[in-house]
């Protein structure tokens, strides 16, 4: 699991986080003054459509769009280096999903997923061999 936090001054107390694990990309944001409220947006790695970076002099805006819905994850205020690292990690994960379906070496083995549940993916092929008579 990898975490990236926005670093701008306005987000110093309650920074927005981008969390990438084996199954999801999650954005977590606390609001002010109701700091007990947390807004979370999640996109499964298999549903990533595009990753965009809008670069400034020091900070970047990272936009992660999903194939299944209209609301992208937008993380504003990442350092340029962190935004590039997150994009490269997500692109490596996309290639790894296509090739082997195992991304645990890229994001780490710390957690199974964010909820602590083990998820099994069904490949669509039957598990028992077919019998020919």
N, C-alpha and C. Protein backbone atom coordinates (compact mmCIF):
# COMPACT_ATOMS: atom_id res chain seq x y z
N UNK A 1 0.85 -1.17 0.00
CA UNK A 1 0.00 0.00 0.00
C UNK A 1 0.90 1.24 0.00
N UNK A 2 0.61 2.17 -0.89
CA UNK A 2 1.35 3.43 -0.98
C UNK A 2 0.41 4.58 -0.69
N UNK A 3 0.91 5.59 0.02
CA UNK A 3 0.12 6.79 0.35
C UNK A 3 0.83 8.01 -0.19
N UNK A 4 0.01 8.91 -0.73
CA UNK A 4 0.49 10.21 -1.19
C UNK A 4 -0.41 11.26 -0.56
N UNK A 5 0.19 12.35 -0.08
CA UNK A 5 -0.59 13.42 0.56
C UNK A 5 -0.36 14.74 -0.14
N UNK A 6 -1.42 15.52 -0.23
CA UNK A 6 -1.32 16.86 -0.78
C UNK A 6 -0.51 17.72 0.19
N UNK A 7 0.30 18.62 -0.35
CA UNK A 7 1.25 19.35 0.49
C UNK A 7 1.05 20.85 0.49
N UNK A 8 -0.02 21.33 -0.06
CA UNK A 8 -0.22 22.78 -0.09
C UNK A 8 -0.57 23.31 1.28
N UNK A 9 -0.36 24.60 1.48
CA UNK A 9 -0.59 25.23 2.76
C UNK A 9 -2.04 25.15 3.19
N UNK A 10 -2.98 25.30 2.25
CA UNK A 10 -4.40 25.25 2.61
C UNK A 10 -4.82 23.86 3.07
N UNK A 11 -4.04 22.84 2.74
CA UNK A 11 -4.36 21.48 3.13
C UNK A 11 -3.38 20.97 4.20
N UNK A 12 -2.79 21.87 4.94
CA UNK A 12 -1.80 21.50 5.93
C UNK A 12 -2.40 20.73 7.10
N UNK A 13 -3.57 21.13 7.57
CA UNK A 13 -4.18 20.49 8.73
C UNK A 13 -4.90 19.20 8.34
N UNK A 14 -5.69 19.25 7.28
CA UNK A 14 -6.44 18.08 6.83
C UNK A 14 -6.09 17.78 5.37
N UNK A 15 -4.94 17.17 5.13
CA UNK A 15 -4.54 16.95 3.74
C UNK A 15 -5.36 15.84 3.08
N UNK A 16 -5.52 15.97 1.79
CA UNK A 16 -6.17 14.92 1.01
C UNK A 16 -5.14 13.82 0.77
N UNK A 17 -5.56 12.57 0.89
CA UNK A 17 -4.66 11.44 0.71
C UNK A 17 -5.08 10.63 -0.51
N UNK A 18 -4.10 10.08 -1.18
CA UNK A 18 -4.31 9.13 -2.25
C UNK A 18 -3.65 7.84 -1.80
N UNK A 19 -4.45 6.78 -1.70
CA UNK A 19 -3.95 5.49 -1.22
C UNK A 19 -4.10 4.48 -2.34
N UNK A 20 -2.99 3.83 -2.68
CA UNK A 20 -2.99 2.82 -3.75
C UNK A 20 -2.64 1.49 -3.11
N UNK A 21 -3.57 0.51 -3.20
CA UNK A 21 -3.28 -0.83 -2.71
C UNK A 21 -3.45 -1.82 -3.85
N UNK A 22 -3.52 -3.11 -3.54
CA UNK A 22 -3.57 -4.14 -4.58
C UNK A 22 -4.85 -4.13 -5.40
N UNK A 23 -5.92 -3.55 -4.87
CA UNK A 23 -7.21 -3.65 -5.53
C UNK A 23 -7.84 -2.31 -5.90
N UNK A 24 -7.50 -1.23 -5.18
CA UNK A 24 -8.21 0.05 -5.33
C UNK A 24 -7.25 1.23 -5.36
N UNK A 25 -7.76 2.33 -5.89
CA UNK A 25 -7.17 3.65 -5.70
C UNK A 25 -8.20 4.41 -4.88
N UNK A 26 -7.81 4.90 -3.72
CA UNK A 26 -8.74 5.54 -2.80
C UNK A 26 -8.29 6.96 -2.52
N UNK A 27 -9.24 7.89 -2.57
CA UNK A 27 -8.99 9.27 -2.19
C UNK A 27 -9.75 9.54 -0.90
N UNK A 28 -9.07 10.10 0.09
CA UNK A 28 -9.67 10.37 1.40
C UNK A 28 -9.44 11.83 1.75
N UNK A 29 -10.54 12.54 2.06
CA UNK A 29 -10.47 13.98 2.35
C UNK A 29 -11.34 14.33 3.53
N UNK A 30 -10.78 15.01 4.51
CA UNK A 30 -11.56 15.55 5.64
C UNK A 30 -11.90 17.00 5.31
N UNK A 31 -13.04 17.43 5.79
CA UNK A 31 -13.46 18.80 5.50
C UNK A 31 -13.38 19.65 6.76
N UNK A 32 -13.30 20.95 6.56
CA UNK A 32 -13.25 21.90 7.67
C UNK A 32 -14.51 22.74 7.61
N UNK A 33 -15.18 22.99 8.67
CA UNK A 33 -14.91 22.77 10.07
C UNK A 33 -15.41 21.42 10.59
N UNK A 34 -16.15 20.67 9.77
CA UNK A 34 -16.65 19.36 10.23
C UNK A 34 -15.58 18.31 9.97
N UNK A 35 -14.50 18.33 10.76
CA UNK A 35 -13.35 17.47 10.54
C UNK A 35 -13.67 15.99 10.77
N UNK A 36 -14.77 15.68 11.43
CA UNK A 36 -15.13 14.28 11.67
C UNK A 36 -15.76 13.64 10.42
N UNK A 37 -16.12 14.45 9.44
CA UNK A 37 -16.67 13.91 8.20
C UNK A 37 -15.53 13.63 7.23
N UNK A 38 -15.56 12.44 6.66
CA UNK A 38 -14.52 12.03 5.71
C UNK A 38 -15.19 11.66 4.40
N UNK A 39 -14.71 12.24 3.32
CA UNK A 39 -15.22 11.90 1.99
C UNK A 39 -14.22 10.97 1.33
N UNK A 40 -14.69 9.79 0.92
CA UNK A 40 -13.83 8.81 0.28
C UNK A 40 -14.37 8.47 -1.10
N UNK A 41 -13.47 8.39 -2.06
CA UNK A 41 -13.80 7.96 -3.41
C UNK A 41 -12.84 6.83 -3.75
N UNK A 42 -13.38 5.78 -4.35
CA UNK A 42 -12.57 4.62 -4.66
C UNK A 42 -12.80 4.17 -6.09
N UNK A 43 -11.72 3.76 -6.75
CA UNK A 43 -11.80 3.21 -8.10
C UNK A 43 -11.04 1.89 -8.09
N UNK A 44 -11.69 0.80 -8.51
CA UNK A 44 -10.95 -0.47 -8.65
C UNK A 44 -9.86 -0.33 -9.72
N UNK A 45 -8.74 -1.00 -9.51
CA UNK A 45 -7.63 -0.88 -10.45
C UNK A 45 -8.01 -1.38 -11.84
N UNK A 46 -8.94 -2.32 -11.91
CA UNK A 46 -9.34 -2.85 -13.21
C UNK A 46 -10.21 -1.86 -13.99
N UNK A 47 -10.69 -0.79 -13.34
CA UNK A 47 -11.58 0.18 -13.99
C UNK A 47 -10.89 1.52 -14.26
N UNK A 48 -9.57 1.60 -14.17
CA UNK A 48 -8.87 2.85 -14.46
C UNK A 48 -8.96 3.16 -15.95
N UNK A 49 -9.33 4.39 -16.28
CA UNK A 49 -9.44 4.78 -17.68
C UNK A 49 -8.25 5.64 -18.09
N UNK A 50 -7.95 6.69 -17.34
CA UNK A 50 -6.83 7.56 -17.69
C UNK A 50 -6.27 8.22 -16.45
N UNK A 51 -5.01 8.63 -16.56
CA UNK A 51 -4.32 9.32 -15.48
C UNK A 51 -3.72 10.59 -16.10
N UNK A 52 -4.10 11.74 -15.56
CA UNK A 52 -3.62 13.02 -16.09
C UNK A 52 -2.88 13.77 -14.99
N UNK A 53 -1.86 14.51 -15.39
CA UNK A 53 -1.15 15.38 -14.46
C UNK A 53 -1.12 16.78 -15.07
N UNK A 54 -1.59 17.75 -14.30
CA UNK A 54 -1.47 19.16 -14.67
C UNK A 54 -0.37 19.75 -13.79
N UNK A 55 0.77 20.07 -14.39
CA UNK A 55 1.95 20.48 -13.63
C UNK A 55 2.06 21.99 -13.54
N UNK A 56 2.40 22.44 -12.34
CA UNK A 56 2.76 23.82 -12.10
C UNK A 56 4.26 23.90 -11.85
N UNK A 57 4.69 24.98 -11.21
CA UNK A 57 6.11 25.12 -10.95
C UNK A 57 6.58 24.12 -9.89
N UNK A 58 5.82 23.96 -8.80
CA UNK A 58 6.20 23.04 -7.74
C UNK A 58 5.17 21.94 -7.52
N UNK A 59 3.89 22.29 -7.69
CA UNK A 59 2.81 21.37 -7.37
C UNK A 59 2.08 20.91 -8.62
N UNK A 60 1.43 19.77 -8.50
CA UNK A 60 0.67 19.19 -9.60
C UNK A 60 -0.73 18.85 -9.16
N UNK A 61 -1.60 18.73 -10.15
CA UNK A 61 -2.95 18.23 -9.93
C UNK A 61 -3.02 16.88 -10.64
N UNK A 62 -3.35 15.83 -9.89
CA UNK A 62 -3.45 14.48 -10.42
C UNK A 62 -4.92 14.14 -10.61
N UNK A 63 -5.30 13.75 -11.83
CA UNK A 63 -6.68 13.41 -12.14
C UNK A 63 -6.70 11.96 -12.60
N UNK A 64 -7.44 11.12 -11.86
CA UNK A 64 -7.55 9.70 -12.18
C UNK A 64 -9.00 9.44 -12.56
N UNK A 65 -9.22 9.09 -13.83
CA UNK A 65 -10.58 8.85 -14.31
C UNK A 65 -10.86 7.36 -14.34
N UNK A 66 -12.12 7.02 -14.08
CA UNK A 66 -12.52 5.63 -14.09
C UNK A 66 -13.39 5.33 -15.30
N UNK A 67 -13.39 4.07 -15.71
CA UNK A 67 -14.15 3.66 -16.89
C UNK A 67 -15.63 3.46 -16.55
N UNK A 68 -15.97 3.30 -15.29
CA UNK A 68 -17.33 2.95 -14.93
C UNK A 68 -18.17 4.06 -14.36
N UNK A 69 -17.68 5.28 -14.29
CA UNK A 69 -18.47 6.34 -13.68
C UNK A 69 -18.01 7.72 -14.07
N UNK A 70 -18.81 8.73 -13.77
CA UNK A 70 -18.50 10.08 -14.23
C UNK A 70 -17.58 10.88 -13.31
N UNK A 71 -17.34 10.42 -12.09
CA UNK A 71 -16.60 11.23 -11.12
C UNK A 71 -15.16 10.76 -11.00
N UNK A 72 -14.20 11.55 -11.45
CA UNK A 72 -12.80 11.18 -11.31
C UNK A 72 -12.28 11.51 -9.90
N UNK A 73 -11.16 10.93 -9.56
CA UNK A 73 -10.44 11.30 -8.34
C UNK A 73 -9.50 12.44 -8.71
N UNK A 74 -9.61 13.55 -8.01
CA UNK A 74 -8.77 14.72 -8.26
C UNK A 74 -8.00 15.03 -6.99
N UNK A 75 -6.68 15.01 -7.10
CA UNK A 75 -5.82 15.32 -5.96
C UNK A 75 -4.98 16.53 -6.34
N UNK A 76 -5.27 17.66 -5.71
CA UNK A 76 -4.60 18.91 -6.03
C UNK A 76 -3.59 19.22 -4.93
N UNK A 77 -2.38 19.59 -5.32
CA UNK A 77 -1.38 19.99 -4.35
C UNK A 77 -0.31 18.95 -4.09
N UNK A 78 -0.15 17.98 -4.98
CA UNK A 78 0.94 17.02 -4.85
C UNK A 78 2.23 17.66 -5.36
N UNK A 79 3.34 17.31 -4.76
CA UNK A 79 4.62 17.71 -5.31
C UNK A 79 4.75 17.07 -6.67
N UNK A 80 5.43 17.73 -7.60
CA UNK A 80 5.58 17.19 -8.95
C UNK A 80 6.19 15.80 -8.95
N UNK A 81 7.16 15.57 -8.11
CA UNK A 81 7.82 14.27 -8.04
C UNK A 81 6.85 13.19 -7.55
N UNK A 82 6.04 13.49 -6.54
CA UNK A 82 5.06 12.52 -6.03
C UNK A 82 3.99 12.21 -7.07
N UNK A 83 3.56 13.21 -7.82
CA UNK A 83 2.55 12.99 -8.86
C UNK A 83 3.11 12.08 -9.95
N UNK A 84 4.35 12.30 -10.36
CA UNK A 84 4.97 11.43 -11.36
C UNK A 84 5.12 10.02 -10.84
N UNK A 85 5.52 9.88 -9.57
CA UNK A 85 5.68 8.56 -8.97
C UNK A 85 4.35 7.81 -8.90
N UNK A 86 3.29 8.50 -8.52
CA UNK A 86 1.96 7.87 -8.45
C UNK A 86 1.49 7.45 -9.83
N UNK A 87 1.69 8.30 -10.84
CA UNK A 87 1.29 7.95 -12.20
C UNK A 87 2.07 6.75 -12.71
N UNK A 88 3.38 6.73 -12.48
CA UNK A 88 4.20 5.60 -12.92
C UNK A 88 3.80 4.31 -12.22
N UNK A 89 3.48 4.40 -10.92
CA UNK A 89 3.03 3.22 -10.19
C UNK A 89 1.72 2.69 -10.75
N UNK A 90 0.77 3.58 -11.01
CA UNK A 90 -0.52 3.14 -11.56
C UNK A 90 -0.36 2.56 -12.96
N UNK A 91 0.52 3.12 -13.77
CA UNK A 91 0.75 2.57 -15.10
C UNK A 91 1.43 1.20 -15.02
N UNK A 92 2.36 1.02 -14.08
CA UNK A 92 2.98 -0.30 -13.89
C UNK A 92 1.95 -1.31 -13.43
N UNK A 93 1.05 -0.90 -12.54
CA UNK A 93 0.00 -1.80 -12.06
C UNK A 93 -0.92 -2.20 -13.21
N UNK A 94 -1.28 -1.24 -14.06
CA UNK A 94 -2.14 -1.56 -15.21
C UNK A 94 -1.46 -2.59 -16.12
N UNK A 95 -0.17 -2.42 -16.38
CA UNK A 95 0.55 -3.40 -17.21
C UNK A 95 0.62 -4.75 -16.52
N UNK A 96 0.85 -4.74 -15.21
CA UNK A 96 0.95 -5.99 -14.46
C UNK A 96 -0.38 -6.73 -14.42
N UNK A 97 -1.48 -6.00 -14.32
CA UNK A 97 -2.81 -6.63 -14.32
C UNK A 97 -3.05 -7.32 -15.66
N UNK A 98 -2.66 -6.68 -16.74
CA UNK A 98 -2.84 -7.27 -18.06
C UNK A 98 -1.97 -8.51 -18.21
N UNK A 99 -0.73 -8.47 -17.70
CA UNK A 99 0.20 -9.57 -17.89
C UNK A 99 -0.04 -10.74 -16.94
N UNK A 100 -0.06 -10.48 -15.61
CA UNK A 100 -0.06 -11.60 -14.67
C UNK A 100 -1.18 -11.58 -13.65
N UNK A 101 -1.88 -10.49 -13.50
CA UNK A 101 -2.97 -10.37 -12.53
C UNK A 101 -2.47 -10.40 -11.08
N UNK A 102 -1.16 -10.16 -10.83
CA UNK A 102 -0.63 -10.11 -9.46
C UNK A 102 0.17 -8.83 -9.29
N UNK A 103 -0.35 -7.89 -8.50
CA UNK A 103 0.31 -6.61 -8.30
C UNK A 103 0.88 -6.47 -6.90
N UNK A 104 0.94 -7.56 -6.14
CA UNK A 104 1.38 -7.46 -4.75
C UNK A 104 2.83 -7.02 -4.63
N UNK A 105 3.66 -7.32 -5.62
CA UNK A 105 5.06 -6.90 -5.54
C UNK A 105 5.21 -5.41 -5.78
N UNK A 106 4.26 -4.79 -6.48
CA UNK A 106 4.37 -3.36 -6.77
C UNK A 106 3.90 -2.49 -5.61
N UNK A 107 2.81 -2.86 -4.95
CA UNK A 107 2.26 -2.02 -3.90
C UNK A 107 2.58 -2.51 -2.50
N UNK A 108 3.13 -3.70 -2.35
CA UNK A 108 3.50 -4.21 -1.04
C UNK A 108 2.49 -5.18 -0.49
N UNK A 109 2.90 -5.94 0.49
CA UNK A 109 2.08 -6.97 1.10
C UNK A 109 1.57 -6.58 2.48
N UNK A 110 1.52 -5.28 2.80
CA UNK A 110 1.14 -4.85 4.14
C UNK A 110 -0.30 -5.21 4.48
N UNK A 111 -1.21 -5.01 3.55
CA UNK A 111 -2.64 -5.22 3.80
C UNK A 111 -3.24 -5.97 2.63
N UNK A 112 -4.23 -6.77 2.91
CA UNK A 112 -4.94 -7.46 1.83
C UNK A 112 -5.69 -6.45 0.98
N UNK A 113 -6.50 -5.61 1.61
CA UNK A 113 -7.11 -4.45 0.97
C UNK A 113 -7.49 -3.48 2.07
N UNK A 114 -8.17 -2.41 1.75
CA UNK A 114 -8.43 -1.36 2.73
C UNK A 114 -9.40 -1.82 3.82
N UNK A 115 -10.32 -2.72 3.50
CA UNK A 115 -11.30 -3.18 4.48
C UNK A 115 -10.80 -4.40 5.25
N UNK A 116 -9.64 -4.93 4.89
CA UNK A 116 -9.11 -6.10 5.58
C UNK A 116 -9.71 -7.40 5.09
N UNK A 117 -10.41 -7.38 3.97
CA UNK A 117 -11.02 -8.58 3.42
C UNK A 117 -10.17 -9.12 2.30
N UNK A 118 -10.22 -10.41 2.13
CA UNK A 118 -9.52 -11.04 1.04
C UNK A 118 -10.48 -11.17 -0.13
N UNK A 119 -10.07 -10.68 -1.27
CA UNK A 119 -10.94 -10.68 -2.44
C UNK A 119 -10.40 -11.67 -3.45
N UNK A 120 -11.28 -12.52 -3.97
CA UNK A 120 -10.92 -13.47 -5.01
C UNK A 120 -11.57 -13.03 -6.30
N UNK A 121 -10.79 -13.01 -7.36
CA UNK A 121 -11.35 -12.63 -8.65
C UNK A 121 -11.64 -13.89 -9.45
N UNK A 122 -12.80 -13.93 -10.07
CA UNK A 122 -13.18 -15.05 -10.89
C UNK A 122 -12.77 -14.75 -12.32
N UNK A 123 -12.01 -15.64 -12.92
CA UNK A 123 -11.51 -15.39 -14.27
C UNK A 123 -12.53 -15.74 -15.33
N UNK A 124 -13.63 -16.36 -14.95
CA UNK A 124 -14.65 -16.68 -15.92
C UNK A 124 -14.50 -18.06 -16.50
N UNK A 125 -13.37 -18.72 -16.28
CA UNK A 125 -13.19 -20.07 -16.80
C UNK A 125 -13.60 -21.08 -15.75
N UNK A 126 -14.17 -22.20 -16.14
CA UNK A 126 -14.59 -23.21 -15.16
C UNK A 126 -13.39 -23.83 -14.49
N UNK A 127 -13.55 -24.16 -13.20
CA UNK A 127 -12.43 -24.70 -12.46
C UNK A 127 -12.25 -26.19 -12.69
N UNK A 128 -13.27 -26.89 -13.10
CA UNK A 128 -13.13 -28.32 -13.37
C UNK A 128 -13.05 -28.55 -14.86
N UNK A 129 -12.25 -29.54 -15.27
CA UNK A 129 -12.13 -29.79 -16.70
C UNK A 129 -13.42 -30.36 -17.26
N UNK A 130 -13.66 -30.06 -18.53
CA UNK A 130 -14.90 -30.54 -19.15
C UNK A 130 -14.76 -32.00 -19.51
N UNK A 131 -15.86 -32.71 -19.42
CA UNK A 131 -15.85 -34.13 -19.72
C UNK A 131 -16.43 -34.36 -21.11
N UNK A 132 -15.72 -35.10 -21.90
CA UNK A 132 -16.19 -35.44 -23.24
C UNK A 132 -16.61 -36.90 -23.24
N UNK A 133 -17.80 -37.22 -23.70
CA UNK A 133 -18.27 -38.59 -23.71
C UNK A 133 -18.19 -39.18 -25.08
